[in-house]
Amino acid sequence: VQALIFDEINGEKNVFLIKFYDSTKKLDTWRLVKGGVEEGETDEQALKREILEEVTLKDVKVLDKIHNYEFDFKDTHHMVSTYLVKGNANEKPKLNWDGDREIVEFKWASPSEANKLLFWKGEKEAVKLLK
């Protein structure tokens, strides 16, 4: 599941992005918050858990599923469901890290800026759906 977290800032919708440092690639990449669904979880429960684990945001409301895409990585086929999530730009995240991928930065970006910064095609496609 993937969260397209947004909030209105100065009358315009902005998207919450995180920057990962991936030590295996030696590269920083801007991403949306994303993670796996654990056994027994609904997509909404998984989204809220992943958002809390990765960036500690609690003031979030899952609205609608807006996009699906698939990709293959390390001999695994991934099916990603993207959900529109209302966040609160005034809530301060605490960035966490997972193994060799450390979250080094966050930002609220306009959809056009987000599409320039995001690394993965499926994430860019999701941001284009933000109305």
Protein backbone atom coordinates (compact mmCIF):
# COMPACT_ATOMS: atom_id res chain seq x y z
CA VAL A 1 0.00 0.00 0.00
CA GLN A 2 1.10 3.51 -0.74
CA ALA A 3 -0.05 6.78 0.82
CA LEU A 4 -0.51 9.92 -1.25
CA ILE A 5 -0.59 12.19 1.81
CA PHE A 6 -1.78 15.70 1.06
CA ASP A 7 -2.85 18.86 2.83
CA GLU A 8 -3.81 22.35 1.73
CA ILE A 9 -1.09 24.94 2.27
CA ASN A 10 -1.93 28.55 1.37
CA GLY A 11 -5.00 27.35 -0.53
CA GLU A 12 -3.17 24.78 -2.66
CA LYS A 13 -2.88 21.01 -2.24
CA ASN A 14 0.62 19.84 -1.39
CA VAL A 15 2.01 16.31 -1.25
CA PHE A 16 4.10 14.85 1.59
CA LEU A 17 7.36 13.37 0.29
CA ILE A 18 10.19 11.55 2.03
CA LYS A 19 13.77 11.23 0.85
CA PHE A 20 15.50 7.90 1.37
CA TYR A 21 19.20 7.26 1.35
CA ASP A 22 19.64 3.76 -0.01
CA SER A 23 23.12 2.57 0.95
CA THR A 24 23.01 -0.30 -1.55
CA LYS A 25 22.48 2.15 -4.42
CA LYS A 26 24.42 5.01 -2.78
CA LEU A 27 21.58 7.27 -3.87
CA ASP A 28 18.93 9.57 -2.38
CA THR A 29 15.45 9.19 -3.86
CA TRP A 30 12.22 11.08 -3.11
CA ARG A 31 9.30 8.74 -2.43
CA LEU A 32 5.77 8.46 -1.13
CA VAL A 33 5.22 6.54 2.11
CA LYS A 34 4.76 2.90 1.19
CA GLY A 35 4.89 -0.53 2.79
CA GLY A 36 3.54 -4.04 2.91
CA VAL A 37 0.24 -5.31 4.24
CA GLU A 38 0.76 -7.76 7.07
CA GLU A 39 -1.37 -10.87 7.53
CA GLY A 40 -4.75 -9.99 9.02
CA GLU A 41 -4.48 -6.27 8.20
CA THR A 42 -6.77 -4.25 5.98
CA ASP A 43 -5.17 -1.82 3.54
CA GLU A 44 -6.26 1.08 5.75
CA GLN A 45 -4.71 -0.48 8.86
CA ALA A 46 -1.47 -1.13 6.95
CA LEU A 47 -1.35 2.45 5.65
CA LYS A 48 -1.80 3.94 9.10
CA ARG A 49 0.83 1.58 10.56
CA GLU A 50 3.35 2.34 7.81
CA ILE A 51 2.80 6.10 8.12
CA LEU A 52 3.26 5.89 11.89
CA GLU A 53 6.36 3.65 11.62
CA GLU A 54 8.10 5.63 8.89
CA VAL A 55 7.27 9.23 9.78
CA THR A 56 5.21 9.13 13.04
CA LEU A 57 2.26 11.08 11.58
CA LYS A 58 -0.94 10.39 13.53
CA ASP A 59 -3.31 13.06 12.22
CA VAL A 60 -4.15 11.21 8.99
CA LYS A 61 -7.41 10.12 7.40
CA VAL A 62 -7.50 7.50 4.65
CA LEU A 63 -9.98 8.73 2.02
CA ASP A 64 -10.07 6.65 -1.18
CA LYS A 65 -8.10 4.19 -3.28
CA ILE A 66 -7.05 6.19 -6.34
CA HIS A 67 -4.47 4.15 -8.24
CA ASN A 68 -2.98 0.68 -8.73
CA TYR A 69 0.27 -0.38 -10.36
CA GLU A 70 2.56 -3.40 -10.45
CA PHE A 71 6.30 -3.98 -10.71
CA ASP A 72 8.88 -6.72 -10.27
CA PHE A 73 11.78 -6.34 -7.85
CA LYS A 74 14.22 -8.97 -6.58
CA ASP A 75 12.23 -11.89 -8.04
CA THR A 76 9.02 -10.65 -6.39
CA HIS A 77 5.95 -9.29 -8.13
CA HIS A 78 4.58 -6.28 -6.23
CA MET A 79 1.00 -5.02 -6.53
CA VAL A 80 0.64 -1.49 -5.15
CA SER A 81 -2.62 0.19 -4.19
CA THR A 82 -2.33 3.94 -3.73
CA TYR A 83 -4.69 5.68 -1.31
CA LEU A 84 -5.43 9.36 -0.96
CA VAL A 85 -4.66 10.29 2.66
CA LYS A 86 -5.53 13.65 4.26
CA GLY A 87 -2.66 14.78 6.44
CA ASN A 88 -1.90 17.82 8.55
CA ALA A 89 1.02 19.98 7.39
CA ASN A 90 1.30 21.42 10.92
CA GLU A 91 2.11 18.00 12.41
CA LYS A 92 5.85 17.54 12.69
CA PRO A 93 7.08 14.14 11.51
CA LYS A 94 9.90 12.20 13.09
CA LEU A 95 11.83 10.41 10.37
CA ASN A 96 12.68 6.76 10.93
CA TRP A 97 14.81 4.36 9.00
CA ASP A 98 14.58 0.74 7.95
CA GLY A 99 17.76 -1.29 7.58
CA ASP A 100 19.92 0.17 4.84
CA ARG A 101 17.31 2.74 3.77
CA GLU A 102 17.38 5.82 5.94
CA ILE A 103 14.78 8.57 5.65
CA VAL A 104 16.92 11.70 5.57
CA GLU A 105 14.45 14.46 4.73
CA PHE A 106 10.78 15.28 4.21
CA LYS A 107 8.95 18.06 2.43
CA TRP A 108 5.51 19.23 1.41
CA ALA A 109 5.61 19.85 -2.34
CA SER A 110 3.21 21.07 -4.99
CA PRO A 111 2.05 18.28 -7.31
CA SER A 112 4.22 19.64 -10.14
CA GLU A 113 7.30 19.80 -7.89
CA ALA A 114 6.53 16.32 -6.55
CA ASN A 115 6.42 14.93 -10.08
CA LYS A 116 9.83 16.43 -10.79
CA LEU A 117 11.33 15.03 -7.58
CA LEU A 118 9.79 11.55 -7.41
CA PHE A 119 11.95 8.72 -8.68
CA TRP A 120 9.39 6.02 -9.52
CA LYS A 121 6.89 6.16 -12.39
CA GLY A 122 3.99 4.62 -10.40
CA GLU A 123 4.35 7.31 -7.73
CA LYS A 124 4.39 10.09 -10.34
CA GLU A 125 1.22 8.65 -11.90
CA ALA A 126 -0.52 8.68 -8.50
CA VAL A 127 0.38 12.33 -7.85
CA LYS A 128 -1.13 13.32 -11.20
CA LEU A 129 -4.49 12.07 -9.86
CA LEU A 130 -4.53 14.60 -6.99
CA LYS A 131 -7.34 17.02 -7.83
